[in-house]
């Protein structure tokens, strides 16, 4: 298997790197900031862009997407 095939397979298996910029842009358009913290445990946070207050927090990127869809 070539490096290109390996990289393509890995990218298809884990779409998160491609989704992060998309969801970050969607959050910004909606007036939020998307952040990822790693301590004390990995989690994604949506903050109000103006106040900086936490609006939504989850361990799953899919939940951020669902929240933005609602």
N, C-alpha and C. Protein backbone atom coordinates (compact mmCIF):
# COMPACT_ATOMS: atom_id res chain seq x y z
N UNK A 1 0.84 -1.17 0.00
CA UNK A 1 0.00 0.00 0.00
C UNK A 1 0.89 1.23 0.00
N UNK A 2 0.59 2.19 -0.84
CA UNK A 2 1.40 3.40 -0.92
C UNK A 2 1.03 4.36 0.20
N UNK A 3 1.89 5.37 0.42
CA UNK A 3 1.60 6.39 1.42
C UNK A 3 0.31 7.13 1.08
N UNK A 4 0.10 7.36 -0.20
CA UNK A 4 -1.10 8.08 -0.64
C UNK A 4 -2.35 7.29 -0.28
N UNK A 5 -2.34 5.98 -0.51
CA UNK A 5 -3.48 5.14 -0.17
C UNK A 5 -3.71 5.14 1.34
N UNK A 6 -2.65 5.05 2.10
CA UNK A 6 -2.75 5.05 3.55
C UNK A 6 -3.35 6.36 4.03
N UNK A 7 -2.87 7.48 3.53
CA UNK A 7 -3.39 8.78 3.93
C UNK A 7 -4.85 8.96 3.54
N UNK A 8 -5.22 8.50 2.36
CA UNK A 8 -6.60 8.60 1.91
C UNK A 8 -7.50 7.77 2.80
N UNK A 9 -7.08 6.56 3.12
CA UNK A 9 -7.88 5.69 3.99
C UNK A 9 -8.04 6.30 5.37
N UNK A 10 -6.99 6.87 5.90
CA UNK A 10 -7.05 7.49 7.22
C UNK A 10 -7.97 8.69 7.20
N UNK A 11 -7.93 9.48 6.15
CA UNK A 11 -8.78 10.66 6.05
C UNK A 11 -10.25 10.26 5.95
N UNK A 12 -10.53 9.18 5.23
CA UNK A 12 -11.90 8.73 5.11
C UNK A 12 -12.39 8.13 6.43
N UNK A 13 -11.54 7.49 7.16
CA UNK A 13 -11.92 6.88 8.42
C UNK A 13 -12.17 7.93 9.49
N UNK A 14 -11.47 9.04 9.45
CA UNK A 14 -11.60 10.08 10.45
C UNK A 14 -11.87 11.42 9.77
N UNK A 15 -13.14 11.75 9.53
CA UNK A 15 -13.46 12.99 8.83
C UNK A 15 -13.34 14.23 9.72
N UNK A 16 -13.01 14.07 11.00
CA UNK A 16 -12.98 15.19 11.92
C UNK A 16 -12.10 16.34 11.44
N UNK A 17 -10.87 16.11 10.99
CA UNK A 17 -10.05 17.26 10.56
C UNK A 17 -10.71 18.09 9.47
N UNK A 18 -11.47 17.46 8.60
CA UNK A 18 -12.16 18.19 7.55
C UNK A 18 -13.38 18.91 8.09
N UNK A 19 -13.99 18.37 9.11
CA UNK A 19 -15.22 18.94 9.66
C UNK A 19 -14.94 20.13 10.58
N UNK A 20 -13.79 20.18 11.21
CA UNK A 20 -13.51 21.24 12.17
C UNK A 20 -13.59 22.63 11.52
N UNK A 21 -12.91 22.88 10.39
CA UNK A 21 -13.03 24.21 9.78
C UNK A 21 -14.47 24.55 9.36
N UNK A 22 -15.18 23.55 8.86
CA UNK A 22 -16.57 23.76 8.44
C UNK A 22 -17.44 24.14 9.64
N UNK A 23 -17.32 23.40 10.73
CA UNK A 23 -18.12 23.69 11.91
C UNK A 23 -17.69 24.98 12.59
N UNK A 24 -16.40 25.30 12.53
CA UNK A 24 -15.91 26.56 13.07
C UNK A 24 -16.54 27.73 12.32
N UNK A 25 -16.59 27.64 11.01
CA UNK A 25 -17.19 28.69 10.19
C UNK A 25 -18.69 28.80 10.46
N UNK A 26 -19.36 27.67 10.58
CA UNK A 26 -20.80 27.69 10.88
C UNK A 26 -21.06 28.34 12.24
N UNK A 27 -20.24 28.01 13.22
CA UNK A 27 -20.39 28.60 14.55
C UNK A 27 -20.19 30.11 14.49
N UNK A 28 -19.15 30.55 13.77
CA UNK A 28 -18.87 31.99 13.67
C UNK A 28 -20.01 32.73 12.98
N UNK A 29 -20.57 32.13 11.95
CA UNK A 29 -21.71 32.73 11.24
C UNK A 29 -22.90 32.88 12.17
N UNK A 30 -23.07 31.93 13.10
CA UNK A 30 -24.18 31.96 14.03
C UNK A 30 -23.90 32.80 15.28
N UNK A 31 -22.70 33.37 15.38
CA UNK A 31 -22.37 34.24 16.50
C UNK A 31 -21.66 33.54 17.65
N UNK A 32 -21.03 32.41 17.36
CA UNK A 32 -20.34 31.65 18.39
C UNK A 32 -18.87 31.45 18.04
N UNK A 33 -18.13 30.97 19.02
CA UNK A 33 -16.74 30.57 18.83
C UNK A 33 -16.66 29.10 19.22
N UNK A 34 -16.08 28.27 18.37
CA UNK A 34 -15.91 26.85 18.65
C UNK A 34 -14.50 26.61 19.17
N UNK A 35 -14.41 26.02 20.35
CA UNK A 35 -13.13 25.71 20.96
C UNK A 35 -13.08 24.26 21.36
N UNK A 36 -11.87 23.73 21.45
CA UNK A 36 -11.68 22.37 21.96
C UNK A 36 -10.71 22.44 23.12
N UNK A 37 -11.15 21.93 24.24
CA UNK A 37 -10.26 21.84 25.40
C UNK A 37 -9.83 20.40 25.56
N UNK A 38 -8.69 20.19 26.14
CA UNK A 38 -8.21 18.82 26.33
C UNK A 38 -8.02 18.47 27.81
N UNK A 39 -8.21 19.45 28.67
CA UNK A 39 -8.05 19.18 30.10
C UNK A 39 -9.23 19.73 30.85
N UNK A 40 -9.76 19.08 31.82
CA UNK A 40 -9.32 17.80 32.36
C UNK A 40 -9.69 16.62 31.46
N UNK A 41 -10.64 16.84 30.53
CA UNK A 41 -10.99 15.80 29.56
C UNK A 41 -11.29 16.49 28.23
N UNK A 42 -11.11 15.79 27.12
CA UNK A 42 -11.38 16.41 25.83
C UNK A 42 -12.85 16.78 25.70
N UNK A 43 -13.12 18.00 25.29
CA UNK A 43 -14.50 18.42 25.05
C UNK A 43 -14.52 19.61 24.10
N UNK A 44 -15.63 19.76 23.42
CA UNK A 44 -15.86 20.85 22.49
C UNK A 44 -16.77 21.85 23.17
N UNK A 45 -16.51 23.14 22.95
CA UNK A 45 -17.32 24.18 23.57
C UNK A 45 -17.71 25.22 22.53
N UNK A 46 -18.96 25.66 22.64
CA UNK A 46 -19.42 26.81 21.88
C UNK A 46 -19.54 27.96 22.86
N UNK A 47 -18.88 29.06 22.54
CA UNK A 47 -18.94 30.25 23.37
C UNK A 47 -19.66 31.36 22.60
N UNK A 48 -20.39 32.18 23.33
CA UNK A 48 -20.97 33.37 22.72
C UNK A 48 -19.83 34.28 22.29
N UNK A 49 -19.84 34.71 21.04
CA UNK A 49 -18.73 35.49 20.50
C UNK A 49 -18.56 36.82 21.24
N UNK A 50 -19.64 37.45 21.64
CA UNK A 50 -19.54 38.76 22.28
C UNK A 50 -19.23 38.68 23.77
N UNK A 51 -19.94 37.81 24.48
CA UNK A 51 -19.75 37.76 25.94
C UNK A 51 -18.67 36.79 26.37
N UNK A 52 -18.38 35.80 25.51
CA UNK A 52 -17.41 34.76 25.87
C UNK A 52 -17.99 33.70 26.78
N UNK A 53 -19.29 33.79 27.07
CA UNK A 53 -19.92 32.80 27.94
C UNK A 53 -20.13 31.48 27.21
N UNK A 54 -19.96 30.39 27.94
CA UNK A 54 -20.18 29.06 27.38
C UNK A 54 -21.67 28.86 27.13
N UNK A 55 -21.99 28.44 25.90
CA UNK A 55 -23.37 28.22 25.50
C UNK A 55 -23.69 26.72 25.46
N UNK A 56 -22.71 25.93 25.02
CA UNK A 56 -22.92 24.49 24.87
C UNK A 56 -21.58 23.79 25.00
N UNK A 57 -21.58 22.64 25.64
CA UNK A 57 -20.35 21.88 25.85
C UNK A 57 -20.65 20.40 25.67
N UNK A 58 -19.77 19.68 24.98
CA UNK A 58 -19.96 18.25 24.73
C UNK A 58 -18.63 17.58 24.43
N UNK A 59 -18.58 16.29 24.59
CA UNK A 59 -17.38 15.53 24.25
C UNK A 59 -17.36 15.14 22.77
N UNK A 60 -18.51 15.24 22.10
CA UNK A 60 -18.64 14.76 20.73
C UNK A 60 -18.82 15.90 19.73
N UNK A 61 -18.01 15.91 18.70
CA UNK A 61 -18.14 16.92 17.65
C UNK A 61 -19.50 16.80 16.95
N UNK A 62 -20.03 15.59 16.84
CA UNK A 62 -21.34 15.40 16.23
C UNK A 62 -22.42 16.18 16.97
N UNK A 63 -22.31 16.25 18.29
CA UNK A 63 -23.29 16.99 19.09
C UNK A 63 -23.23 18.48 18.79
N UNK A 64 -22.04 19.01 18.52
CA UNK A 64 -21.91 20.42 18.13
C UNK A 64 -22.64 20.64 16.83
N UNK A 65 -22.44 19.74 15.88
CA UNK A 65 -23.10 19.85 14.59
C UNK A 65 -24.62 19.80 14.76
N UNK A 66 -25.12 18.89 15.58
CA UNK A 66 -26.56 18.79 15.81
C UNK A 66 -27.08 20.05 16.49
N UNK A 67 -26.32 20.61 17.42
CA UNK A 67 -26.75 21.82 18.10
C UNK A 67 -26.83 22.97 17.13
N UNK A 68 -25.86 23.09 16.24
CA UNK A 68 -25.87 24.16 15.24
C UNK A 68 -27.02 23.96 14.23
N UNK A 69 -27.40 22.70 14.00
CA UNK A 69 -28.51 22.41 13.09
C UNK A 69 -29.87 22.79 13.69
N UNK A 70 -29.94 22.83 15.01
CA UNK A 70 -31.22 23.08 15.67
C UNK A 70 -31.62 24.54 15.65
